[in-house]
Amino acid sequence: AVVRPEFARFELECWIIPKKHVDSFVDFDKRTAALF
């Protein structure tokens, strides 16, 4: 999910957040990496 945080410091700030709780992008499989 790409969101604009409620407490953004920058006007068009965006966060890219995995829907599943993961520690790091090194945990992504090939499909998840492509979607990221």
PDB file of all heavy atoms in Angstrom:
ATOM      1  N   ALA A   1       0.865  -1.182   0.000  1.00  0.00           N
ATOM      2  CA  ALA A   1       0.000   0.000   0.000  1.00  0.00           C
ATOM      3  C   ALA A   1       0.898   1.228   0.000  1.00  0.00           C
ATOM      4  O   ALA A   1       1.874   1.298   0.753  1.00  0.00           O
ATOM      5  CB  ALA A   1      -0.893   0.005   1.229  1.00  0.00           C
ATOM      6  N   VAL A   2       0.570   2.190  -0.855  1.00  0.00           N
ATOM      7  CA  VAL A   2       1.281   3.467  -0.876  1.00  0.00           C
ATOM      8  C   VAL A   2       0.355   4.494  -0.242  1.00  0.00           C
ATOM      9  O   VAL A   2      -0.762   4.709  -0.717  1.00  0.00           O
ATOM     10  CB  VAL A   2       1.666   3.873  -2.307  1.00  0.00           C
ATOM     11  CG1 VAL A   2       2.352   5.240  -2.301  1.00  0.00           C
ATOM     12  CG2 VAL A   2       2.590   2.826  -2.921  1.00  0.00           C
ATOM     13  N   VAL A   3       0.809   5.103   0.838  1.00  0.00           N
ATOM     14  CA  VAL A   3      -0.052   6.001   1.606  1.00  0.00           C
ATOM     15  C   VAL A   3       0.603   7.367   1.770  1.00  0.00           C
ATOM     16  O   VAL A   3       1.821   7.514   1.674  1.00  0.00           O
ATOM     17  CB  VAL A   3      -0.365   5.414   3.005  1.00  0.00           C
ATOM     18  CG1 VAL A   3      -0.953   4.021   2.882  1.00  0.00           C
ATOM     19  CG2 VAL A   3       0.878   5.392   3.897  1.00  0.00           C
ATOM     20  N   ARG A   4      -0.231   8.365   2.024  1.00  0.00           N
ATOM     21  CA  ARG A   4       0.244   9.679   2.423  1.00  0.00           C
ATOM     22  C   ARG A   4       0.007   9.758   3.927  1.00  0.00           C
ATOM     23  O   ARG A   4      -1.128   9.829   4.387  1.00  0.00           O
ATOM     24  CB  ARG A   4      -0.541  10.767   1.685  1.00  0.00           C
ATOM     25  CG  ARG A   4       0.127  12.144   1.731  1.00  0.00           C
ATOM     26  CD  ARG A   4      -0.246  12.944   2.954  1.00  0.00           C
ATOM     27  NE  ARG A   4       0.188  14.330   2.823  1.00  0.00           N
ATOM     28  CZ  ARG A   4      -0.072  15.265   3.728  1.00  0.00           C
ATOM     29  NH1 ARG A   4      -0.736  14.961   4.826  1.00  0.00           N
ATOM     30  NH2 ARG A   4       0.351  16.502   3.544  1.00  0.00           N
ATOM     31  N   PRO A   5       1.074   9.690   4.747  1.00  0.00           N
ATOM     32  CA  PRO A   5       0.876   9.637   6.202  1.00  0.00           C
ATOM     33  C   PRO A   5       0.157  10.869   6.732  1.00  0.00           C
ATOM     34  O   PRO A   5       0.324  11.976   6.220  1.00  0.00           O
ATOM     35  CB  PRO A   5       2.306   9.538   6.750  1.00  0.00           C
ATOM     36  CG  PRO A   5       3.179  10.062   5.658  1.00  0.00           C
ATOM     37  CD  PRO A   5       2.495   9.692   4.387  1.00  0.00           C
ATOM     38  N   GLU A   6      -0.629  10.664   7.767  1.00  0.00           N
ATOM     39  CA  GLU A   6      -1.412  11.758   8.356  1.00  0.00           C
ATOM     40  C   GLU A   6      -0.526  12.869   8.909  1.00  0.00           C
ATOM     41  O   GLU A   6      -0.914  14.032   8.944  1.00  0.00           O
ATOM     42  CB  GLU A   6      -2.307  11.206   9.470  1.00  0.00           C
ATOM     43  CG  GLU A   6      -3.375  10.244   8.978  1.00  0.00           C
ATOM     44  CD  GLU A   6      -4.168   9.641  10.109  1.00  0.00           C
ATOM     45  OE1 GLU A   6      -3.561   9.089  11.041  1.00  0.00           O
ATOM     46  OE2 GLU A   6      -5.413   9.728  10.065  1.00  0.00           O
ATOM     47  N   PHE A   7       0.670  12.505   9.352  1.00  0.00           N
ATOM     48  CA  PHE A   7       1.596  13.465   9.981  1.00  0.00           C
ATOM     49  C   PHE A   7       2.775  13.759   9.056  1.00  0.00           C
ATOM     50  O   PHE A   7       3.914  13.919   9.502  1.00  0.00           O
ATOM     51  CB  PHE A   7       2.097  12.907  11.316  1.00  0.00           C
ATOM     52  CG  PHE A   7       2.406  11.436  11.262  1.00  0.00           C
ATOM     53  CD1 PHE A   7       3.628  10.973  10.789  1.00  0.00           C
ATOM     54  CD2 PHE A   7       1.443  10.520  11.649  1.00  0.00           C
ATOM     55  CE1 PHE A   7       3.902   9.616  10.719  1.00  0.00           C
ATOM     56  CE2 PHE A   7       1.712   9.149  11.587  1.00  0.00           C
ATOM     57  CZ  PHE A   7       2.953   8.701  11.121  1.00  0.00           C
ATOM     58  N   ALA A   8       2.533  13.846   7.761  1.00  0.00           N
ATOM     59  CA  ALA A   8       3.601  14.042   6.768  1.00  0.00           C
ATOM     60  C   ALA A   8       4.389  15.321   7.044  1.00  0.00           C
ATOM     61  O   ALA A   8       3.821  16.371   7.348  1.00  0.00           O
ATOM     62  CB  ALA A   8       3.003  14.084   5.366  1.00  0.00           C
ATOM     63  N   ARG A   9       5.714  15.233   6.868  1.00  0.00           N
ATOM     64  CA  ARG A   9       6.577  16.411   6.999  1.00  0.00           C
ATOM     65  C   ARG A   9       6.690  17.161   5.676  1.00  0.00           C
ATOM     66  O   ARG A   9       6.953  18.360   5.654  1.00  0.00           O
ATOM     67  CB  ARG A   9       7.979  15.992   7.465  1.00  0.00           C
ATOM     68  CG  ARG A   9       8.015  15.431   8.878  1.00  0.00           C
ATOM     69  CD  ARG A   9       9.410  14.970   9.234  1.00  0.00           C
ATOM     70  NE  ARG A   9       9.826  13.859   8.402  1.00  0.00           N
ATOM     71  CZ  ARG A   9      11.093  13.469   8.262  1.00  0.00           C
ATOM     72  NH1 ARG A   9      12.063  14.130   8.855  1.00  0.00           N
ATOM     73  NH2 ARG A   9      11.386  12.431   7.499  1.00  0.00           N
ATOM     74  N   PHE A  10       6.498  16.437   4.569  1.00  0.00           N
ATOM     75  CA  PHE A  10       6.607  17.022   3.236  1.00  0.00           C
ATOM     76  C   PHE A  10       5.234  16.985   2.561  1.00  0.00           C
ATOM     77  O   PHE A  10       4.448  16.071   2.796  1.00  0.00           O
ATOM     78  CB  PHE A  10       7.638  16.260   2.402  1.00  0.00           C
ATOM     79  CG  PHE A  10       9.012  16.255   3.002  1.00  0.00           C
ATOM     80  CD1 PHE A  10       9.372  15.293   3.942  1.00  0.00           C
ATOM     81  CD2 PHE A  10       9.942  17.226   2.655  1.00  0.00           C
ATOM     82  CE1 PHE A  10      10.628  15.290   4.514  1.00  0.00           C
ATOM     83  CE2 PHE A  10      11.211  17.235   3.229  1.00  0.00           C
ATOM     84  CZ  PHE A  10      11.553  16.273   4.167  1.00  0.00           C
ATOM     85  N   GLU A  11       4.963  17.957   1.713  1.00  0.00           N
ATOM     86  CA  GLU A  11       3.621  18.125   1.154  1.00  0.00           C
ATOM     87  C   GLU A  11       3.096  16.869   0.470  1.00  0.00           C
ATOM     88  O   GLU A  11       1.949  16.481   0.656  1.00  0.00           O
ATOM     89  CB  GLU A  11       3.627  19.303   0.170  1.00  0.00           C
ATOM     90  CG  GLU A  11       3.845  20.647   0.839  1.00  0.00           C
ATOM     91  CD  GLU A  11       3.832  21.809  -0.134  1.00  0.00           C
ATOM     92  OE1 GLU A  11       3.944  21.573  -1.352  1.00  0.00           O
ATOM     93  OE2 GLU A  11       3.712  22.957   0.316  1.00  0.00           O
ATOM     94  N   LEU A  12       3.931  16.216  -0.338  1.00  0.00           N
ATOM     95  CA  LEU A  12       3.500  15.046  -1.098  1.00  0.00           C
ATOM     96  C   LEU A  12       4.222  13.779  -0.641  1.00  0.00           C
ATOM     97  O   LEU A  12       4.445  12.858  -1.416  1.00  0.00           O
ATOM     98  CB  LEU A  12       3.726  15.282  -2.601  1.00  0.00           C
ATOM     99  CG  LEU A  12       2.953  16.463  -3.198  1.00  0.00           C
ATOM    100  CD1 LEU A  12       3.328  16.661  -4.660  1.00  0.00           C
ATOM    101  CD2 LEU A  12       1.444  16.264  -3.059  1.00  0.00           C
ATOM    102  N   GLU A  13       4.572  13.747   0.627  1.00  0.00           N
ATOM    103  CA  GLU A  13       5.277  12.588   1.190  1.00  0.00           C
ATOM    104  C   GLU A  13       4.454  11.316   1.026  1.00  0.00           C
ATOM    105  O   GLU A  13       3.240  11.307   1.228  1.00  0.00           O
ATOM    106  CB  GLU A  13       5.564  12.833   2.668  1.00  0.00           C
ATOM    107  CG  GLU A  13       6.308  11.706   3.369  1.00  0.00           C
ATOM    108  CD  GLU A  13       6.667  12.064   4.814  1.00  0.00           C
ATOM    109  OE1 GLU A  13       6.643  13.264   5.154  1.00  0.00           O
ATOM    110  OE2 GLU A  13       6.979  11.133   5.579  1.00  0.00           O
ATOM    111  N   CYS A  14       5.126  10.234   0.646  1.00  0.00           N
ATOM    112  CA  CYS A  14       4.479   8.928   0.488  1.00  0.00           C
ATOM    113  C   CYS A  14       5.268   7.857   1.224  1.00  0.00           C
ATOM    114  O   CYS A  14       6.506   7.910   1.273  1.00  0.00           O
ATOM    115  CB  CYS A  14       4.395   8.529  -0.985  1.00  0.00           C
ATOM    116  SG  CYS A  14       3.274   9.509  -1.983  1.00  0.00           S
ATOM    117  N   TRP A  15       4.558   6.896   1.759  1.00  0.00           N
ATOM    118  CA  TRP A  15       5.191   5.717   2.347  1.00  0.00           C
ATOM    119  C   TRP A  15       4.736   4.484   1.575  1.00  0.00           C
ATOM    120  O   TRP A  15       3.544   4.335   1.279  1.00  0.00           O
ATOM    121  CB  TRP A  15       4.805   5.546   3.809  1.00  0.00           C
ATOM    122  CG  TRP A  15       5.397   6.575   4.729  1.00  0.00           C
ATOM    123  CD1 TRP A  15       6.136   7.685   4.393  1.00  0.00           C
ATOM    124  CD2 TRP A  15       5.266   6.600   6.158  1.00  0.00           C
ATOM    125  NE1 TRP A  15       6.481   8.389   5.525  1.00  0.00           N
ATOM    126  CE2 TRP A  15       5.963   7.750   6.616  1.00  0.00           C
ATOM    127  CE3 TRP A  15       4.641   5.776   7.081  1.00  0.00           C
ATOM    128  CZ2 TRP A  15       6.041   8.081   7.969  1.00  0.00           C
ATOM    129  CZ3 TRP A  15       4.716   6.098   8.431  1.00  0.00           C
ATOM    130  CH2 TRP A  15       5.416   7.236   8.859  1.00  0.00           C
ATOM    131  N   ILE A  16       5.677   3.612   1.272  1.00  0.00           N
ATOM    132  CA  ILE A  16       5.376   2.325   0.633  1.00  0.00           C
ATOM    133  C   ILE A  16       5.485   1.260   1.713  1.00  0.00           C
ATOM    134  O   ILE A  16       6.578   1.005   2.234  1.00  0.00           O
ATOM    135  CB  ILE A  16       6.352   2.040  -0.522  1.00  0.00           C
ATOM    136  CG1 ILE A  16       6.327   3.198  -1.529  1.00  0.00           C
ATOM    137  CG2 ILE A  16       6.005   0.711  -1.206  1.00  0.00           C
ATOM    138  CD1 ILE A  16       7.435   3.121  -2.565  1.00  0.00           C
ATOM    139  N   ILE A  17       4.357   0.644   2.063  1.00  0.00           N
ATOM    140  CA  ILE A  17       4.317  -0.271   3.210  1.00  0.00           C
ATOM    141  C   ILE A  17       3.849  -1.660   2.765  1.00  0.00           C
ATOM    142  O   ILE A  17       2.791  -1.792   2.141  1.00  0.00           O
ATOM    143  CB  ILE A  17       3.351   0.257   4.287  1.00  0.00           C
ATOM    144  CG1 ILE A  17       3.697   1.710   4.664  1.00  0.00           C
ATOM    145  CG2 ILE A  17       3.389  -0.639   5.520  1.00  0.00           C
ATOM    146  CD1 ILE A  17       2.723   2.330   5.650  1.00  0.00           C
ATOM    147  N   PRO A  18       4.633  -2.700   3.073  1.00  0.00           N
ATOM    148  CA  PRO A  18       4.159  -4.059   2.785  1.00  0.00           C
ATOM    149  C   PRO A  18       2.906  -4.374   3.602  1.00  0.00           C
ATOM    150  O   PRO A  18       2.815  -4.002   4.778  1.00  0.00           O
ATOM    151  CB  PRO A  18       5.332  -4.952   3.238  1.00  0.00           C
ATOM    152  CG  PRO A  18       6.524  -4.046   3.301  1.00  0.00           C
ATOM    153  CD  PRO A  18       5.980  -2.698   3.670  1.00  0.00           C
ATOM    154  N   LYS A  19       1.944  -5.031   2.993  1.00  0.00           N
ATOM    155  CA  LYS A  19       0.724  -5.394   3.712  1.00  0.00           C
ATOM    156  C   LYS A  19       0.990  -6.493   4.738  1.00  0.00           C
ATOM    157  O   LYS A  19       0.278  -6.591   5.746  1.00  0.00           O
ATOM    158  CB  LYS A  19      -0.346  -5.839   2.715  1.00  0.00           C
ATOM    159  CG  LYS A  19      -0.822  -4.710   1.799  1.00  0.00           C
ATOM    160  CD  LYS A  19      -1.872  -5.187   0.810  1.00  0.00           C
ATOM    161  CE  LYS A  19      -2.345  -4.055  -0.080  1.00  0.00           C
ATOM    162  NZ  LYS A  19      -3.353  -4.490  -1.066  1.00  0.00           N
ATOM    163  N   LYS A  20       2.025  -7.299   4.473  1.00  0.00           N
ATOM    164  CA  LYS A  20       2.443  -8.312   5.435  1.00  0.00           C
ATOM    165  C   LYS A  20       3.621  -7.766   6.238  1.00  0.00           C
ATOM    166  O   LYS A  20       4.468  -7.056   5.703  1.00  0.00           O
ATOM    167  CB  LYS A  20       2.861  -9.596   4.706  1.00  0.00           C
ATOM    168  CG  LYS A  20       1.733 -10.260   3.928  1.00  0.00           C
ATOM    169  CD  LYS A  20       2.236 -11.477   3.179  1.00  0.00           C
ATOM    170  CE  LYS A  20       1.126 -12.110   2.342  1.00  0.00           C
ATOM    171  NZ  LYS A  20       1.633 -13.256   1.527  1.00  0.00           N
ATOM    172  N   HIS A  21       3.675  -8.115   7.499  1.00  0.00           N
ATOM    173  CA  HIS A  21       4.728  -7.596   8.377  1.00  0.00           C
ATOM    174  C   HIS A  21       6.050  -8.304   8.068  1.00  0.00           C
ATOM    175  O   HIS A  21       6.213  -9.488   8.333  1.00  0.00           O
ATOM    176  CB  HIS A  21       4.334  -7.826   9.836  1.00  0.00           C
ATOM    177  CG  HIS A  21       5.154  -7.044  10.811  1.00  0.00           C
ATOM    178  ND1 HIS A  21       4.682  -5.929  11.463  1.00  0.00           N
ATOM    179  CD2 HIS A  21       6.429  -7.196  11.217  1.00  0.00           C
ATOM    180  CE1 HIS A  21       5.616  -5.441  12.243  1.00  0.00           C
ATOM    181  NE2 HIS A  21       6.691  -6.202  12.116  1.00  0.00           N
ATOM    182  N   VAL A  22       7.004  -7.566   7.487  1.00  0.00           N
ATOM    183  CA  VAL A  22       8.326  -8.114   7.168  1.00  0.00           C
ATOM    184  C   VAL A  22       9.391  -7.178   7.728  1.00  0.00           C
ATOM    185  O   VAL A  22       9.166  -5.979   7.886  1.00  0.00           O
ATOM    186  CB  VAL A  22       8.533  -8.296   5.649  1.00  0.00           C
ATOM    187  CG1 VAL A  22       7.599  -9.347   5.096  1.00  0.00           C
ATOM    188  CG2 VAL A  22       8.345  -6.974   4.918  1.00  0.00           C
ATOM    189  N   ASP A  23      10.576  -7.731   8.011  1.00  0.00           N
ATOM    190  CA  ASP A  23      11.653  -6.963   8.626  1.00  0.00           C
ATOM    191  C   ASP A  23      12.479  -6.176   7.615  1.00  0.00           C
ATOM    192  O   ASP A  23      12.997  -5.102   7.918  1.00  0.00           O
ATOM    193  CB  ASP A  23      12.595  -7.890   9.401  1.00  0.00           C
ATOM    194  CG  ASP A  23      11.929  -8.509  10.620  1.00  0.00           C
ATOM    195  OD1 ASP A  23      10.917  -7.953  11.096  1.00  0.00           O
ATOM    196  OD2 ASP A  23      12.412  -9.553  11.092  1.00  0.00           O
ATOM    197  N   SER A  24      12.638  -6.739   6.405  1.00  0.00           N
ATOM    198  CA  SER A  24      13.542  -6.126   5.433  1.00  0.00           C
ATOM    199  C   SER A  24      13.186  -6.583   4.027  1.00  0.00           C
ATOM    200  O   SER A  24      12.553  -7.634   3.843  1.00  0.00           O
ATOM    201  CB  SER A  24      14.991  -6.522   5.746  1.00  0.00           C
ATOM    202  OG  SER A  24      15.873  -6.106   4.723  1.00  0.00           O
ATOM    203  N   PHE A  25      13.615  -5.818   3.021  1.00  0.00           N
ATOM    204  CA  PHE A  25      13.345  -6.223   1.643  1.00  0.00           C
ATOM    205  C   PHE A  25      14.141  -7.458   1.241  1.00  0.00           C
ATOM    206  O   PHE A  25      13.823  -8.099   0.234  1.00  0.00           O
ATOM    207  CB  PHE A  25      13.618  -5.073   0.669  1.00  0.00           C
ATOM    208  CG  PHE A  25      15.045  -4.616   0.599  1.00  0.00           C
ATOM    209  CD1 PHE A  25      15.952  -5.220  -0.257  1.00  0.00           C
ATOM    210  CD2 PHE A  25      15.484  -3.565   1.388  1.00  0.00           C
ATOM    211  CE1 PHE A  25      17.260  -4.798  -0.330  1.00  0.00           C
ATOM    212  CE2 PHE A  25      16.791  -3.127   1.324  1.00  0.00           C
ATOM    213  CZ  PHE A  25      17.687  -3.753   0.472  1.00  0.00           C
ATOM    214  N   VAL A  26      15.157  -7.829   2.001  1.00  0.00           N
ATOM    215  CA  VAL A  26      15.900  -9.059   1.680  1.00  0.00           C
ATOM    216  C   VAL A  26      15.039 -10.289   1.911  1.00  0.00           C
ATOM    217  O   VAL A  26      15.375 -11.386   1.451  1.00  0.00           O
ATOM    218  CB  VAL A  26      17.220  -9.162   2.489  1.00  0.00           C
ATOM    219  CG1 VAL A  26      18.148  -7.995   2.176  1.00  0.00           C
ATOM    220  CG2 VAL A  26      16.945  -9.242   3.984  1.00  0.00           C
ATOM    221  N   ASP A  27      13.918 -10.130   2.607  1.00  0.00           N
ATOM    222  CA  ASP A  27      12.999 -11.250   2.842  1.00  0.00           C
ATOM    223  C   ASP A  27      12.017 -11.448   1.692  1.00  0.00           C
ATOM    224  O   ASP A  27      11.242 -12.401   1.698  1.00  0.00           O
ATOM    225  CB  ASP A  27      12.203 -11.013   4.136  1.00  0.00           C
ATOM    226  CG  ASP A  27      13.094 -10.940   5.368  1.00  0.00           C
ATOM    227  OD1 ASP A  27      14.100 -11.658   5.395  1.00  0.00           O
ATOM    228  OD2 ASP A  27      12.776 -10.160   6.285  1.00  0.00           O
ATOM    229  N   PHE A  28      12.031 -10.554   0.692  1.00  0.00           N
ATOM    230  CA  PHE A  28      11.086 -10.655  -0.419  1.00  0.00           C
ATOM    231  C   PHE A  28      11.426 -11.840  -1.321  1.00  0.00           C
ATOM    232  O   PHE A  28      12.594 -12.070  -1.630  1.00  0.00           O
ATOM    233  CB  PHE A  28      11.113  -9.389  -1.283  1.00  0.00           C
ATOM    234  CG  PHE A  28      10.592  -8.154  -0.610  1.00  0.00           C
ATOM    235  CD1 PHE A  28      10.802  -6.909  -1.196  1.00  0.00           C
ATOM    236  CD2 PHE A  28       9.901  -8.204   0.587  1.00  0.00           C
ATOM    237  CE1 PHE A  28      10.334  -5.747  -0.601  1.00  0.00           C
ATOM    238  CE2 PHE A  28       9.425  -7.058   1.198  1.00  0.00           C
ATOM    239  CZ  PHE A  28       9.645  -5.821   0.598  1.00  0.00           C
ATOM    240  N   ASP A  29      10.388 -12.546  -1.785  1.00  0.00           N
ATOM    241  CA  ASP A  29      10.604 -13.506  -2.858  1.00  0.00           C
ATOM    242  C   ASP A  29      10.530 -12.742  -4.184  1.00  0.00           C
ATOM    243  O   ASP A  29      10.306 -11.526  -4.208  1.00  0.00           O
ATOM    244  CB  ASP A  29       9.585 -14.650  -2.803  1.00  0.00           C
ATOM    245  CG  ASP A  29       8.126 -14.167  -2.858  1.00  0.00           C
ATOM    246  OD1 ASP A  29       7.873 -13.059  -3.396  1.00  0.00           O
ATOM    247  OD2 ASP A  29       7.252 -14.896  -2.374  1.00  0.00           O
ATOM    248  N   LYS A  30      10.724 -13.445  -5.292  1.00  0.00           N
ATOM    249  CA  LYS A  30      10.811 -12.779  -6.593  1.00  0.00           C
ATOM    250  C   LYS A  30       9.528 -12.029  -6.924  1.00  0.00           C
ATOM    251  O   LYS A  30       9.569 -10.885  -7.418  1.00  0.00           O
ATOM    252  CB  LYS A  30      11.115 -13.816  -7.678  1.00  0.00           C
ATOM    253  CG  LYS A  30      11.408 -13.223  -9.040  1.00  0.00           C
ATOM    254  CD  LYS A  30      11.835 -14.296 -10.031  1.00  0.00           C
ATOM    255  CE  LYS A  30      12.136 -13.689 -11.390  1.00  0.00           C
ATOM    256  NZ  LYS A  30      12.575 -14.735 -12.364  1.00  0.00           N
ATOM    257  N   ARG A  31       8.380 -12.613  -6.642  1.00  0.00           N
ATOM    258  CA  ARG A  31       7.098 -11.961  -6.945  1.00  0.00           C
ATOM    259  C   ARG A  31       6.918 -10.700  -6.112  1.00  0.00           C
ATOM    260  O   ARG A  31       6.529  -9.642  -6.638  1.00  0.00           O
ATOM    261  CB  ARG A  31       5.951 -12.935  -6.677  1.00  0.00           C
ATOM    262  CG  ARG A  31       4.555 -12.312  -6.808  1.00  0.00           C
ATOM    263  CD  ARG A  31       3.457 -13.323  -6.493  1.00  0.00           C
ATOM    264  NE  ARG A  31       2.134 -12.695  -6.469  1.00  0.00           N
ATOM    265  CZ  ARG A  31       1.623 -12.099  -5.398  1.00  0.00           C
ATOM    266  NH1 ARG A  31       2.313 -12.058  -4.266  1.00  0.00           N
ATOM    267  NH2 ARG A  31       0.405 -11.566  -5.449  1.00  0.00           N
ATOM    268  N   THR A  32       7.213 -10.808  -4.820  1.00  0.00           N
ATOM    269  CA  THR A  32       7.052  -9.652  -3.934  1.00  0.00           C
ATOM    270  C   THR A  32       8.008  -8.538  -4.319  1.00  0.00           C
ATOM    271  O   THR A  32       7.653  -7.352  -4.301  1.00  0.00           O
ATOM    272  CB  THR A  32       7.276 -10.064  -2.468  1.00  0.00           C
ATOM    273  OG1 THR A  32       6.402 -11.146  -2.140  1.00  0.00           O
ATOM    274  CG2 THR A  32       7.006  -8.903  -1.518  1.00  0.00           C
ATOM    275  N   ALA A  33       9.242  -8.908  -4.692  1.00  0.00           N
ATOM    276  CA  ALA A  33      10.227  -7.906  -5.115  1.00  0.00           C
ATOM    277  C   ALA A  33       9.748  -7.162  -6.355  1.00  0.00           C
ATOM    278  O   ALA A  33       9.907  -5.939  -6.456  1.00  0.00           O
ATOM    279  CB  ALA A  33      11.570  -8.578  -5.387  1.00  0.00           C
ATOM    280  N   ALA A  34       9.154  -7.899  -7.293  1.00  0.00           N
ATOM    281  CA  ALA A  34       8.648  -7.264  -8.517  1.00  0.00           C
ATOM    282  C   ALA A  34       7.503  -6.302  -8.190  1.00  0.00           C
ATOM    283  O   ALA A  34       7.428  -5.194  -8.742  1.00  0.00           O
ATOM    284  CB  ALA A  34       8.185  -8.328  -9.502  1.00  0.00           C
ATOM    285  N   LEU A  35       6.619  -6.686  -7.278  1.00  0.00           N
ATOM    286  CA  LEU A  35       5.506  -5.819  -6.891  1.00  0.00           C
ATOM    287  C   LEU A  35       6.002  -4.608  -6.104  1.00  0.00           C
ATOM    288  O   LEU A  35       5.428  -3.513  -6.197  1.00  0.00           O
ATOM    289  CB  LEU A  35       4.487  -6.615  -6.064  1.00  0.00           C
ATOM    290  CG  LEU A  35       3.650  -7.622  -6.864  1.00  0.00           C
ATOM    291  CD1 LEU A  35       2.861  -8.527  -5.936  1.00  0.00           C
ATOM    292  CD2 LEU A  35       2.713  -6.891  -7.827  1.00  0.00           C
ATOM    293  N   PHE A  36       7.080  -4.796  -5.338  1.00  0.00           N
ATOM    294  CA  PHE A  36       7.669  -3.658  -4.635  1.00  0.00           C
ATOM    295  C   PHE A  36       8.226  -2.637  -5.623  1.00  0.00           C
ATOM    296  O   PHE A  36       7.981  -1.431  -5.496  1.00  0.00           O
ATOM    297  CB  PHE A  36       8.789  -4.141  -3.703  1.00  0.00           C
ATOM    298  CG  PHE A  36       9.623  -3.016  -3.153  1.00  0.00           C
ATOM    299  CD1 PHE A  36       9.079  -2.103  -2.269  1.00  0.00           C
ATOM    300  CD2 PHE A  36      10.952  -2.869  -3.529  1.00  0.00           C
ATOM    301  CE1 PHE A  36       9.835  -1.056  -1.762  1.00  0.00           C
ATOM    302  CE2 PHE A  36      11.708  -1.827  -3.038  1.00  0.00           C
ATOM    303  CZ  PHE A  36      11.158  -0.918  -2.149  1.00  0.00           C
TER     304      PHE A  36
END
